[in-house]
C-alpha atoms as a PDB file:
ATOM      1  CA  UNK A   1     -87.463-175.229  57.440  1.00  0.00           C
ATOM      2  CA  UNK A   2     -88.163-173.721  61.021  1.00  0.00           C
ATOM      3  CA  UNK A   3     -85.671-175.323  63.147  1.00  0.00           C
ATOM      4  CA  UNK A   4     -87.509-174.200  66.815  1.00  0.00           C
ATOM      5  CA  UNK A   5     -90.486-175.664  65.548  1.00  0.00           C
ATOM      6  CA  UNK A   6     -88.422-178.832  64.363  1.00  0.00           C
ATOM      7  CA  UNK A   7     -86.947-179.393  67.749  1.00  0.00           C
ATOM      8  CA  UNK A   8     -90.393-178.722  69.682  1.00  0.00           C
ATOM      9  CA  UNK A   9     -92.010-181.198  67.482  1.00  0.00           C
ATOM     10  CA  UNK A  10     -88.879-184.230  67.895  1.00  0.00           C
ATOM     11  CA  UNK A  11     -89.480-183.309  71.690  1.00  0.00           C
ATOM     12  CA  UNK A  12     -93.104-183.438  71.741  1.00  0.00           C
ATOM     13  CA  UNK A  13     -92.337-186.841  70.251  1.00  0.00           C
ATOM     14  CA  UNK A  14     -89.785-188.118  72.632  1.00  0.00           C
ATOM     15  CA  UNK A  15     -87.166-188.625  70.180  1.00  0.00           C
ATOM     16  CA  UNK A  16     -83.633-188.039  70.707  1.00  0.00           C
ATOM     17  CA  UNK A  17     -81.958-185.108  70.491  1.00  0.00           C
ATOM     18  CA  UNK A  18     -79.742-186.075  68.009  1.00  0.00           C
ATOM     19  CA  UNK A  19     -82.720-186.467  65.482  1.00  0.00           C
ATOM     20  CA  UNK A  20     -82.749-182.926  65.191  1.00  0.00           C
ATOM     21  CA  UNK A  21     -79.610-183.001  64.000  1.00  0.00           C
ATOM     22  CA  UNK A  22     -80.284-185.648  61.277  1.00  0.00           C
ATOM     23  CA  UNK A  23     -82.618-183.768  59.975  1.00  0.00           C
ATOM     24  CA  UNK A  24     -80.874-180.628  59.408  1.00  0.00           C
ATOM     25  CA  UNK A  25     -77.357-182.670  58.424  1.00  0.00           C
ATOM     26  CA  UNK A  26     -80.144-184.262  55.419  1.00  0.00           C
ATOM     27  CA  UNK A  27     -81.360-180.507  54.836  1.00  0.00           C
ATOM     28  CA  UNK A  28     -78.438-178.710  54.194  1.00  0.00           C
ATOM     29  CA  UNK A  29     -76.844-181.444  52.557  1.00  0.00           C
ATOM     30  CA  UNK A  30     -80.066-181.033  49.990  1.00  0.00           C
ATOM     31  CA  UNK A  31     -82.314-183.050  50.054  1.00  0.00           C
ATOM     32  CA  UNK A  32     -85.611-182.266  49.065  1.00  0.00           C
ATOM     33  CA  UNK A  33     -88.226-183.624  50.935  1.00  0.00           C
ATOM     34  CA  UNK A  34     -88.161-186.004  54.341  1.00  0.00           C
ATOM     35  CA  UNK A  35     -88.191-188.659  52.427  1.00  0.00           C
ATOM     36  CA  UNK A  36     -84.946-188.613  51.678  1.00  0.00           C
ATOM     37  CA  UNK A  37     -83.875-189.055  54.986  1.00  0.00           C
ATOM     38  CA  UNK A  38     -83.239-192.211  55.187  1.00  0.00           C
ATOM     39  CA  UNK A  39     -81.652-192.212  58.307  1.00  0.00           C
ATOM     40  CA  UNK A  40     -84.803-191.743  60.573  1.00  0.00           C
ATOM     41  CA  UNK A  41     -87.644-194.059  60.430  1.00  0.00           C
ATOM     42  CA  UNK A  42     -90.364-194.090  58.268  1.00  0.00           C
ATOM     43  CA  UNK A  43     -92.825-193.179  61.214  1.00  0.00           C
ATOM     44  CA  UNK A  44     -90.787-190.575  61.928  1.00  0.00           C
ATOM     45  CA  UNK A  45     -90.576-189.015  58.638  1.00  0.00           C
ATOM     46  CA  UNK A  46     -94.321-189.183  57.974  1.00  0.00           C
ATOM     47  CA  UNK A  47     -94.981-187.573  61.350  1.00  0.00           C
ATOM     48  CA  UNK A  48     -92.649-184.672  60.282  1.00  0.00           C
ATOM     49  CA  UNK A  49     -94.160-183.745  56.599  1.00  0.00           C
ATOM     50  CA  UNK A  50     -97.201-183.808  58.476  1.00  0.00           C
ATOM     51  CA  UNK A  51     -96.183-181.617  61.874  1.00  0.00           C
ATOM     52  CA  UNK A  52     -93.162-179.067  60.636  1.00  0.00           C
ATOM     53  CA  UNK A  53     -93.362-178.194  56.631  1.00  0.00           C
ATOM     54  CA  UNK A  54     -89.751-178.451  54.973  1.00  0.00           C
ATOM     55  CA  UNK A  55     -89.741-175.136  54.080  1.00  0.00           C
ATOM     56  CA  UNK A  56     -91.240-172.233  55.621  1.00  0.00           C
ATOM     57  CA  UNK A  57     -91.455-170.340  51.606  1.00  0.00           C
ATOM     58  CA  UNK A  58     -94.008-170.864  49.170  1.00  0.00           C
ATOM     59  CA  UNK A  59     -92.252-170.970  46.017  1.00  0.00           C
ATOM     60  CA  UNK A  60     -94.391-169.348  43.356  1.00  0.00           C
ATOM     61  CA  UNK A  61     -92.470-169.062  39.935  1.00  0.00           C
ATOM     62  CA  UNK A  62     -88.856-168.836  38.969  1.00  0.00           C
ATOM     63  CA  UNK A  63     -87.408-167.186  36.162  1.00  0.00           C
ATOM     64  CA  UNK A  64     -84.275-168.467  34.561  1.00  0.00           C
ATOM     65  CA  UNK A  65     -82.513-165.562  32.271  1.00  0.00           C
ATOM     66  CA  UNK A  66     -80.384-165.989  29.635  1.00  0.00           C
ATOM     67  CA  UNK A  67     -76.930-166.286  31.221  1.00  0.00           C
ATOM     68  CA  UNK A  68     -78.282-169.065  33.455  1.00  0.00           C
ATOM     69  CA  UNK A  69     -79.456-166.539  36.624  1.00  0.00           C
ATOM     70  CA  UNK A  70     -82.446-167.741  38.157  1.00  0.00           C
ATOM     71  CA  UNK A  71     -85.004-165.771  39.811  1.00  0.00           C
ATOM     72  CA  UNK A  72     -87.231-167.267  42.446  1.00  0.00           C
ATOM     73  CA  UNK A  73     -90.414-165.517  44.319  1.00  0.00           C
ATOM     74  CA  UNK A  74     -91.695-166.514  46.801  1.00  0.00           C
ATOM     75  CA  UNK A  75     -94.490-166.462  49.683  1.00  0.00           C
ATOM     76  CA  UNK A  76     -94.675-166.776  53.123  1.00  0.00           C
ATOM     77  CA  UNK A  77     -97.759-168.253  55.368  1.00  0.00           C
ATOM     78  CA  UNK A  78     -98.825-164.430  55.692  1.00  0.00           C
ATOM     79  CA  UNK A  79     -98.076-163.948  52.863  1.00  0.00           C
ATOM     80  CA  UNK A  80     -95.711-161.549  51.755  1.00  0.00           C
ATOM     81  CA  UNK A  81     -93.677-161.876  48.553  1.00  0.00           C
ATOM     82  CA  UNK A  82     -90.091-162.532  48.669  1.00  0.00           C
ATOM     83  CA  UNK A  83     -87.334-162.537  45.678  1.00  0.00           C
ATOM     84  CA  UNK A  84     -83.895-164.390  45.898  1.00  0.00           C
ATOM     85  CA  UNK A  85     -81.261-165.068  43.193  1.00  0.00           C
ATOM     86  CA  UNK A  86     -78.884-167.650  41.803  1.00  0.00           C
ATOM     87  CA  UNK A  87     -76.396-167.051  39.784  1.00  0.00           C
ATOM     88  CA  UNK A  88     -73.597-169.103  38.016  1.00  0.00           C
ATOM     89  CA  UNK A  89     -70.137-167.428  37.041  1.00  0.00           C
ATOM     90  CA  UNK A  90     -67.410-169.361  34.083  1.00  0.00           C
ATOM     91  CA  UNK A  91     -65.308-169.626  37.263  1.00  0.00           C
ATOM     92  CA  UNK A  92     -67.642-172.319  38.390  1.00  0.00           C
ATOM     93  CA  UNK A  93     -68.912-170.231  41.636  1.00  0.00           C
ATOM     94  CA  UNK A  94     -72.744-170.194  42.362  1.00  0.00           C
ATOM     95  CA  UNK A  95     -73.770-167.066  44.103  1.00  0.00           C
ATOM     96  CA  UNK A  96     -76.709-166.682  45.694  1.00  0.00           C
ATOM     97  CA  UNK A  97     -78.330-163.080  46.073  1.00  0.00           C
ATOM     98  CA  UNK A  98     -80.661-163.580  49.251  1.00  0.00           C
ATOM     99  CA  UNK A  99     -83.720-161.002  50.493  1.00  0.00           C
ATOM    100  CA  UNK A 100     -83.567-160.004  54.882  1.00  0.00           C
ATOM    101  CA  UNK A 101     -86.816-157.752  54.292  1.00  0.00           C
ATOM    102  CA  UNK A 102     -90.186-158.272  52.632  1.00  0.00           C
ATOM    103  CA  UNK A 103     -90.571-154.686  50.511  1.00  0.00           C
ATOM    104  CA  UNK A 104     -87.248-152.026  52.501  1.00  0.00           C
ATOM    105  CA  UNK A 105     -88.804-148.905  54.574  1.00  0.00           C
ATOM    106  CA  UNK A 106     -85.726-146.908  53.301  1.00  0.00           C
ATOM    107  CA  UNK A 107     -86.979-146.032  49.585  1.00  0.00           C
ATOM    108  CA  UNK A 108     -83.870-145.490  47.673  1.00  0.00           C
ATOM    109  CA  UNK A 109     -84.754-143.908  44.929  1.00  0.00           C
ATOM    110  CA  UNK A 110     -82.654-145.836  42.633  1.00  0.00           C
ATOM    111  CA  UNK A 111     -83.907-148.967  43.599  1.00  0.00           C
ATOM    112  CA  UNK A 112     -87.461-151.188  42.319  1.00  0.00           C
ATOM    113  CA  UNK A 113     -87.388-152.830  46.010  1.00  0.00           C
ATOM    114  CA  UNK A 114     -87.496-148.973  47.731  1.00  0.00           C
ATOM    115  CA  UNK A 115     -91.012-148.571  45.159  1.00  0.00           C
ATOM    116  CA  UNK A 116     -92.882-151.759  46.484  1.00  0.00           C
ATOM    117  CA  UNK A 117     -95.005-151.304  49.744  1.00  0.00           C
ATOM    118  CA  UNK A 118     -92.825-152.916  53.001  1.00  0.00           C
ATOM    119  CA  UNK A 119     -94.611-155.701  54.443  1.00  0.00           C
ATOM    120  CA  UNK A 120     -92.203-157.207  57.896  1.00  0.00           C
ATOM    121  CA  UNK A 121     -88.681-158.408  58.421  1.00  0.00           C
ATOM    122  CA  UNK A 122     -87.961-162.075  57.975  1.00  0.00           C
ATOM    123  CA  UNK A 123     -86.795-165.060  59.970  1.00  0.00           C
ATOM    124  CA  UNK A 124     -84.177-166.635  60.086  1.00  0.00           C
ATOM    125  CA  UNK A 125     -85.627-169.534  59.189  1.00  0.00           C
ATOM    126  CA  UNK A 126     -87.307-167.508  56.565  1.00  0.00           C
ATOM    127  CA  UNK A 127     -83.286-165.901  55.176  1.00  0.00           C
ATOM    128  CA  UNK A 128     -82.103-169.873  55.127  1.00  0.00           C
ATOM    129  CA  UNK A 129     -85.200-171.009  53.154  1.00  0.00           C
ATOM    130  CA  UNK A 130     -83.921-168.816  50.605  1.00  0.00           C
ATOM    131  CA  UNK A 131     -80.418-170.702  49.837  1.00  0.00           C
ATOM    132  CA  UNK A 132     -81.629-173.975  50.710  1.00  0.00           C
ATOM    133  CA  UNK A 133     -84.224-173.491  47.773  1.00  0.00           C
ATOM    134  CA  UNK A 134     -81.695-173.311  45.304  1.00  0.00           C
ATOM    135  CA  UNK A 135     -79.314-175.742  47.458  1.00  0.00           C
ATOM    136  CA  UNK A 136     -81.709-178.334  46.551  1.00  0.00           C
ATOM    137  CA  UNK A 137     -80.531-177.662  42.674  1.00  0.00           C
ATOM    138  CA  UNK A 138     -76.664-178.287  43.344  1.00  0.00           C
ATOM    139  CA  UNK A 139     -74.088-176.782  45.326  1.00  0.00           C
ATOM    140  CA  UNK A 140     -73.545-172.619  46.483  1.00  0.00           C
ATOM    141  CA  UNK A 141     -70.482-171.019  47.248  1.00  0.00           C
ATOM    142  CA  UNK A 142     -70.810-167.421  48.062  1.00  0.00           C
ATOM    143  CA  UNK A 143     -73.871-165.368  49.116  1.00  0.00           C
ATOM    144  CA  UNK A 144     -74.828-162.386  49.179  1.00  0.00           C
ATOM    145  CA  UNK A 145     -77.700-160.262  51.660  1.00  0.00           C
ATOM    146  CA  UNK A 146     -78.075-157.920  48.990  1.00  0.00           C
ATOM    147  CA  UNK A 147     -81.558-158.414  47.642  1.00  0.00           C
ATOM    148  CA  UNK A 148     -84.775-156.914  48.759  1.00  0.00           C
ATOM    149  CA  UNK A 149     -84.432-154.809  52.230  1.00  0.00           C
ATOM    150  CA  UNK A 150     -82.052-153.551  54.460  1.00  0.00           C
ATOM    151  CA  UNK A 151     -80.019-156.005  56.079  1.00  0.00           C
ATOM    152  CA  UNK A 152     -78.931-154.152  59.184  1.00  0.00           C
ATOM    153  CA  UNK A 153     -82.099-153.125  59.688  1.00  0.00           C
ATOM    154  CA  UNK A 154     -82.575-157.445  60.399  1.00  0.00           C
ATOM    155  CA  UNK A 155     -79.155-158.100  61.742  1.00  0.00           C
ATOM    156  CA  UNK A 156     -80.544-160.827  64.181  1.00  0.00           C
ATOM    157  CA  UNK A 157     -81.904-163.119  61.784  1.00  0.00           C
ATOM    158  CA  UNK A 158     -79.080-162.093  58.938  1.00  0.00           C
ATOM    159  CA  UNK A 159     -76.288-163.679  61.310  1.00  0.00           C
ATOM    160  CA  UNK A 160     -78.966-166.614  62.735  1.00  0.00           C
ATOM    161  CA  UNK A 161     -78.619-167.520  59.015  1.00  0.00           C
ATOM    162  CA  UNK A 162     -75.236-166.746  58.641  1.00  0.00           C
ATOM    163  CA  UNK A 163     -74.049-169.270  60.918  1.00  0.00           C
ATOM    164  CA  UNK A 164     -75.702-172.072  58.589  1.00  0.00           C
ATOM    165  CA  UNK A 165     -74.374-171.608  55.671  1.00  0.00           C
ATOM    166  CA  UNK A 166     -71.092-172.858  56.579  1.00  0.00           C
ATOM    167  CA  UNK A 167     -73.009-176.071  56.682  1.00  0.00           C
ATOM    168  CA  UNK A 168     -74.666-175.905  52.815  1.00  0.00           C
ATOM    169  CA  UNK A 169     -70.799-175.183  51.794  1.00  0.00           C
ATOM    170  CA  UNK A 170     -70.732-170.959  51.538  1.00  0.00           C
ATOM    171  CA  UNK A 171     -67.484-170.263  54.213  1.00  0.00           C
ATOM    172  CA  UNK A 172     -68.353-166.830  56.585  1.00  0.00           C
ATOM    173  CA  UNK A 173     -65.169-165.268  53.985  1.00  0.00           C
ATOM    174  CA  UNK A 174     -67.898-166.264  51.079  1.00  0.00           C
ATOM    175  CA  UNK A 175     -70.329-164.484  52.802  1.00  0.00           C
ATOM    176  CA  UNK A 176     -71.318-160.529  52.486  1.00  0.00           C
ATOM    177  CA  UNK A 177     -73.871-157.935  53.662  1.00  0.00           C
ATOM    178  CA  UNK A 178     -74.847-154.901  52.405  1.00  0.00           C
ATOM    179  CA  UNK A 179     -76.019-152.008  54.161  1.00  0.00           C
ATOM    180  CA  UNK A 180     -76.684-148.476  52.908  1.00  0.00           C
ATOM    181  CA  UNK A 181     -75.015-147.226  56.544  1.00  0.00           C
ATOM    182  CA  UNK A 182     -77.974-147.944  59.099  1.00  0.00           C
ATOM    183  CA  UNK A 183     -76.295-147.152  61.838  1.00  0.00           C
ATOM    184  CA  UNK A 184     -77.126-148.839  64.451  1.00  0.00           C
ATOM    185  CA  UNK A 185     -76.805-152.448  62.525  1.00  0.00           C
ATOM    186  CA  UNK A 186     -73.810-151.137  61.237  1.00  0.00           C
ATOM    187  CA  UNK A 187     -71.934-150.417  64.450  1.00  0.00           C
ATOM    188  CA  UNK A 188     -73.552-153.819  66.529  1.00  0.00           C
ATOM    189  CA  UNK A 189     -71.986-155.599  63.350  1.00  0.00           C
ATOM    190  CA  UNK A 190     -68.134-154.355  64.220  1.00  0.00           C
ATOM    191  CA  UNK A 191     -68.481-156.766  66.751  1.00  0.00           C
ATOM    192  CA  UNK A 192     -69.933-159.809  64.797  1.00  0.00           C
ATOM    193  CA  UNK A 193     -67.352-163.173  65.762  1.00  0.00           C
ATOM    194  CA  UNK A 194     -67.944-164.454  62.295  1.00  0.00           C
ATOM    195  CA  UNK A 195     -65.323-162.355  59.523  1.00  0.00           C
ATOM    196  CA  UNK A 196     -68.198-161.769  57.348  1.00  0.00           C
ATOM    197  CA  UNK A 197     -67.976-159.470  54.753  1.00  0.00           C
ATOM    198  CA  UNK A 198     -68.916-155.431  54.632  1.00  0.00           C
ATOM    199  CA  UNK A 199     -70.816-153.634  51.236  1.00  0.00           C
ATOM    200  CA  UNK A 200     -71.635-149.802  51.566  1.00  0.00           C
ATOM    201  CA  UNK A 201     -74.088-148.574  48.921  1.00  0.00           C
ATOM    202  CA  UNK A 202     -72.368-145.916  48.745  1.00  0.00           C
ATOM    203  CA  UNK A 203     -73.736-144.245  45.781  1.00  0.00           C
ATOM    204  CA  UNK A 204     -73.000-140.364  45.896  1.00  0.00           C
ATOM    205  CA  UNK A 205     -69.314-138.649  47.661  1.00  0.00           C
ATOM    206  CA  UNK A 206     -71.415-135.729  49.376  1.00  0.00           C
ATOM    207  CA  UNK A 207     -74.582-135.600  51.793  1.00  0.00           C
ATOM    208  CA  UNK A 208     -76.340-133.492  48.999  1.00  0.00           C
ATOM    209  CA  UNK A 209     -76.931-136.212  46.251  1.00  0.00           C
ATOM    210  CA  UNK A 210     -76.615-138.847  48.586  1.00  0.00           C
ATOM    211  CA  UNK A 211     -79.925-137.353  50.530  1.00  0.00           C
ATOM    212  CA  UNK A 212     -81.542-137.282  47.641  1.00  0.00           C
ATOM    213  CA  UNK A 213     -81.103-140.529  45.740  1.00  0.00           C
ATOM    214  CA  UNK A 214     -81.148-142.203  49.752  1.00  0.00           C
ATOM    215  CA  UNK A 215     -83.536-140.622  51.963  1.00  0.00           C
ATOM    216  CA  UNK A 216     -81.376-142.277  54.661  1.00  0.00           C
ATOM    217  CA  UNK A 217     -78.797-140.250  54.406  1.00  0.00           C
ATOM    218  CA  UNK A 218     -80.875-137.720  56.844  1.00  0.00           C
ATOM    219  CA  UNK A 219     -81.373-139.651  59.110  1.00  0.00           C
ATOM    220  CA  UNK A 220     -77.385-141.149  59.179  1.00  0.00           C
ATOM    221  CA  UNK A 221     -75.268-138.452  57.081  1.00  0.00           C
ATOM    222  CA  UNK A 222     -71.864-139.574  55.255  1.00  0.00           C
ATOM    223  CA  UNK A 223     -69.532-138.777  58.156  1.00  0.00           C
ATOM    224  CA  UNK A 224     -70.818-140.294  60.304  1.00  0.00           C
ATOM    225  CA  UNK A 225     -71.379-143.838  58.612  1.00  0.00           C
ATOM    226  CA  UNK A 226     -67.770-143.604  57.095  1.00  0.00           C
ATOM    227  CA  UNK A 227     -66.008-143.368  60.887  1.00  0.00           C
ATOM    228  CA  UNK A 228     -68.587-146.469  61.614  1.00  0.00           C
ATOM    229  CA  UNK A 229     -67.046-148.516  58.670  1.00  0.00           C
ATOM    230  CA  UNK A 230     -63.321-147.337  59.568  1.00  0.00           C
ATOM    231  CA  UNK A 231     -64.429-148.464  63.683  1.00  0.00           C
ATOM    232  CA  UNK A 232     -65.540-151.962  61.219  1.00  0.00           C
ATOM    233  CA  UNK A 233     -61.629-151.831  59.693  1.00  0.00           C
ATOM    234  CA  UNK A 234     -59.484-151.211  62.624  1.00  0.00           C
ATOM    235  CA  UNK A 235     -61.779-153.953  64.473  1.00  0.00           C
ATOM    236  CA  UNK A 236     -61.857-156.768  61.973  1.00  0.00           C
ATOM    237  CA  UNK A 237     -59.065-156.095  59.877  1.00  0.00           C
ATOM    238  CA  UNK A 238     -61.109-156.553  56.603  1.00  0.00           C
ATOM    239  CA  UNK A 239     -61.229-153.965  53.143  1.00  0.00           C
ATOM    240  CA  UNK A 240     -64.930-152.505  53.251  1.00  0.00           C
ATOM    241  CA  UNK A 241     -66.355-152.966  50.197  1.00  0.00           C
ATOM    242  CA  UNK A 242     -67.837-150.080  48.519  1.00  0.00           C
ATOM    243  CA  UNK A 243     -71.096-150.082  46.268  1.00  0.00           C
ATOM    244  CA  UNK A 244     -71.566-147.009  43.510  1.00  0.00           C
ATOM    245  CA  UNK A 245     -74.646-147.261  41.496  1.00  0.00           C
ATOM    246  CA  UNK A 246     -73.671-144.871  38.596  1.00  0.00           C
ATOM    247  CA  UNK A 247     -76.278-142.522  36.902  1.00  0.00           C
ATOM    248  CA  UNK A 248     -76.141-140.680  34.103  1.00  0.00           C
ATOM    249  CA  UNK A 249     -75.721-137.688  34.401  1.00  0.00           C
ATOM    250  CA  UNK A 250     -76.517-137.460  37.992  1.00  0.00           C
ATOM    251  CA  UNK A 251     -73.380-139.485  39.932  1.00  0.00           C
ATOM    252  CA  UNK A 252     -71.716-139.999  37.116  1.00  0.00           C
ATOM    253  CA  UNK A 253     -69.096-137.328  36.584  1.00  0.00           C
ATOM    254  CA  UNK A 254     -65.108-137.073  36.583  1.00  0.00           C
ATOM    255  CA  UNK A 255     -65.986-134.366  39.340  1.00  0.00           C
ATOM    256  CA  UNK A 256     -67.715-137.107  41.223  1.00  0.00           C
ATOM    257  CA  UNK A 257     -65.288-139.769  40.761  1.00  0.00           C
ATOM    258  CA  UNK A 258     -62.748-136.912  42.575  1.00  0.00           C
ATOM    259  CA  UNK A 259     -65.121-136.961  45.142  1.00  0.00           C
ATOM    260  CA  UNK A 260     -65.118-139.735  46.044  1.00  0.00           C
ATOM    261  CA  UNK A 261     -61.701-140.217  45.877  1.00  0.00           C
ATOM    262  CA  UNK A 262     -61.408-137.355  48.174  1.00  0.00           C
ATOM    263  CA  UNK A 263     -63.904-139.618  50.428  1.00  0.00           C
ATOM    264  CA  UNK A 264     -62.436-142.689  50.492  1.00  0.00           C
ATOM    265  CA  UNK A 265     -58.961-144.014  52.387  1.00  0.00           C
ATOM    266  CA  UNK A 266     -57.875-146.734  50.047  1.00  0.00           C
ATOM    267  CA  UNK A 267     -56.141-149.099  53.055  1.00  0.00           C
ATOM    268  CA  UNK A 268     -59.991-149.107  53.615  1.00  0.00           C
ATOM    269  CA  UNK A 269     -61.953-148.959  51.484  1.00  0.00           C
ATOM    270  CA  UNK A 270     -62.221-151.464  47.251  1.00  0.00           C
ATOM    271  CA  UNK A 271     -64.876-149.751  45.213  1.00  0.00           C
ATOM    272  CA  UNK A 272     -67.637-151.516  42.690  1.00  0.00           C
ATOM    273  CA  UNK A 273     -68.968-150.011  40.359  1.00  0.00           C
ATOM    274  CA  UNK A 274     -72.675-151.062  39.390  1.00  0.00           C
ATOM    275  CA  UNK A 275     -73.804-150.292  36.015  1.00  0.00           C
ATOM    276  CA  UNK A 276     -77.417-149.254  36.415  1.00  0.00           C
ATOM    277  CA  UNK A 277     -80.234-151.588  36.055  1.00  0.00           C
ATOM    278  CA  UNK A 278     -83.149-149.571  34.528  1.00  0.00           C
ATOM    279  CA  UNK A 279     -86.008-149.265  37.235  1.00  0.00           C
ATOM    280  CA  UNK A 280     -87.791-146.808  35.651  1.00  0.00           C
ATOM    281  CA  UNK A 281     -85.953-143.222  37.165  1.00  0.00           C
ATOM    282  CA  UNK A 282     -82.784-143.319  35.671  1.00  0.00           C
ATOM    283  CA  UNK A 283     -80.560-143.547  32.788  1.00  0.00           C
ATOM    284  CA  UNK A 284     -77.586-145.874  32.334  1.00  0.00           C
ATOM    285  CA  UNK A 285     -74.228-144.528  32.367  1.00  0.00           C
ATOM    286  CA  UNK A 286     -72.724-144.887  28.839  1.00  0.00           C
ATOM    287  CA  UNK A 287     -69.098-147.541  28.529  1.00  0.00           C
ATOM    288  CA  UNK A 288     -67.089-144.156  28.106  1.00  0.00           C
ATOM    289  CA  UNK A 289     -68.563-143.217  31.766  1.00  0.00           C
ATOM    290  CA  UNK A 290     -67.772-145.962  33.121  1.00  0.00           C
ATOM    291  CA  UNK A 291     -64.309-145.964  31.811  1.00  0.00           C
ATOM    292  CA  UNK A 292     -63.175-142.762  32.904  1.00  0.00           C
ATOM    293  CA  UNK A 293     -64.638-142.894  36.613  1.00  0.00           C
ATOM    294  CA  UNK A 294     -62.970-145.940  36.864  1.00  0.00           C
ATOM    295  CA  UNK A 295     -59.896-144.403  35.560  1.00  0.00           C
ATOM    296  CA  UNK A 296     -60.317-141.368  37.803  1.00  0.00           C
ATOM    297  CA  UNK A 297     -60.336-143.848  40.967  1.00  0.00           C
ATOM    298  CA  UNK A 298     -57.414-145.751  40.283  1.00  0.00           C
ATOM    299  CA  UNK A 299     -55.072-142.679  39.637  1.00  0.00           C
ATOM    300  CA  UNK A 300     -56.298-141.756  43.245  1.00  0.00           C
ATOM    301  CA  UNK A 301     -54.544-145.757  44.481  1.00  0.00           C
ATOM    302  CA  UNK A 302     -58.183-146.437  44.741  1.00  0.00           C
ATOM    303  CA  UNK A 303     -58.930-150.107  43.830  1.00  0.00           C
ATOM    304  CA  UNK A 304     -61.491-150.524  41.799  1.00  0.00           C
ATOM    305  CA  UNK A 305     -64.003-153.323  40.197  1.00  0.00           C
ATOM    306  CA  UNK A 306     -66.566-153.112  37.899  1.00  0.00           C
ATOM    307  CA  UNK A 307     -69.610-155.593  38.043  1.00  0.00           C
ATOM    308  CA  UNK A 308     -70.957-157.704  35.967  1.00  0.00           C
ATOM    309  CA  UNK A 309     -74.393-157.406  35.108  1.00  0.00           C
ATOM    310  CA  UNK A 310     -76.276-160.908  35.221  1.00  0.00           C
ATOM    311  CA  UNK A 311     -80.225-161.244  35.153  1.00  0.00           C
ATOM    312  CA  UNK A 312     -81.201-157.914  33.518  1.00  0.00           C
ATOM    313  CA  UNK A 313     -83.352-160.045  31.611  1.00  0.00           C
ATOM    314  CA  UNK A 314     -85.708-161.567  34.108  1.00  0.00           C
ATOM    315  CA  UNK A 315     -85.368-158.692  36.683  1.00  0.00           C
ATOM    316  CA  UNK A 316     -82.526-159.870  38.938  1.00  0.00           C
ATOM    317  CA  UNK A 317     -80.332-157.327  38.383  1.00  0.00           C
ATOM    318  CA  UNK A 318     -78.712-155.173  41.359  1.00  0.00           C
ATOM    319  CA  UNK A 319     -81.687-152.977  42.030  1.00  0.00           C
ATOM    320  CA  UNK A 320     -84.664-154.480  40.116  1.00  0.00           C
ATOM    321  CA  UNK A 321     -85.945-156.964  42.537  1.00  0.00           C
ATOM    322  CA  UNK A 322     -89.905-156.086  43.663  1.00  0.00           C
ATOM    323  CA  UNK A 323     -91.995-158.998  43.688  1.00  0.00           C
ATOM    324  CA  UNK A 324     -94.834-158.820  41.793  1.00  0.00           C
ATOM    325  CA  UNK A 325     -96.933-160.888  44.070  1.00  0.00           C
ATOM    326  CA  UNK A 326     -98.547-158.541  47.100  1.00  0.00           C
ATOM    327  CA  UNK A 327     -99.722-159.524  50.353  1.00  0.00           C
ATOM    328  CA  UNK A 328    -102.972-161.565  50.587  1.00  0.00           C
ATOM    329  CA  UNK A 329    -105.473-159.482  51.981  1.00  0.00           C
END
């Protein structure tokens, strides 16, 4: 929902200021449309339905995985495709993966999003509407900005959405923003007054390999990015989660793990190893290689987890979002 447009429409009708708050409260609780907002006069509900679209996004289709993962493909009002994912876990969590851009301009070689055409940054309302779509299907409690795009290239819109998420049931401490190391946004993120978690997509322990996998490293090399992460930790006193996708024969050997352990301060970083999800470019590391990589990091004193893959059968897993729809025109 475009909340600015909502306020303008209500003001034009001469409605009291609290009406916008009423509409938002209904929306955040999962109302499916204006007709459910029974605390508003019927005439106002009818007027809003004509003047303010209930969502800034059009749902094109949904795909449901065998594990309960749901991937939604949306289209913006100007025709750009966007994908978002809802994941249910055995412990009862319902986590959302939200996109910050249509496509991504940074072209990481292992990511399907980087292979599609970049459209544009999404607005705060478009970010929020991805979460609201899933909120209408039930309660939600976690959100990660790890979908399509680089969130820190669109930080203002991301923060606008984050400020509203607690009203959907997602606290700031259960919200995470992922970055490939976009330094201008990363330095600003350290100043944010919300206790949002930071995740760094690292994927290589040295500049040569990382530049090969992630061209952004030529612009913002490892030393600069890690210095910014250390500054974030010093200011916020919050651990940084390192995401490391394991690619067979590329970055998954024990010597890579040893180099990564030397690079990361165990007081600042926790490592999340990610089994590679097929995008047609690399091969996934075998379980034995993942286990050896993890054991090497743990022996060095680092805290390590291996991400549970969800939604792979509907191309909803990490790195697979590519939005089959294309912009109109």
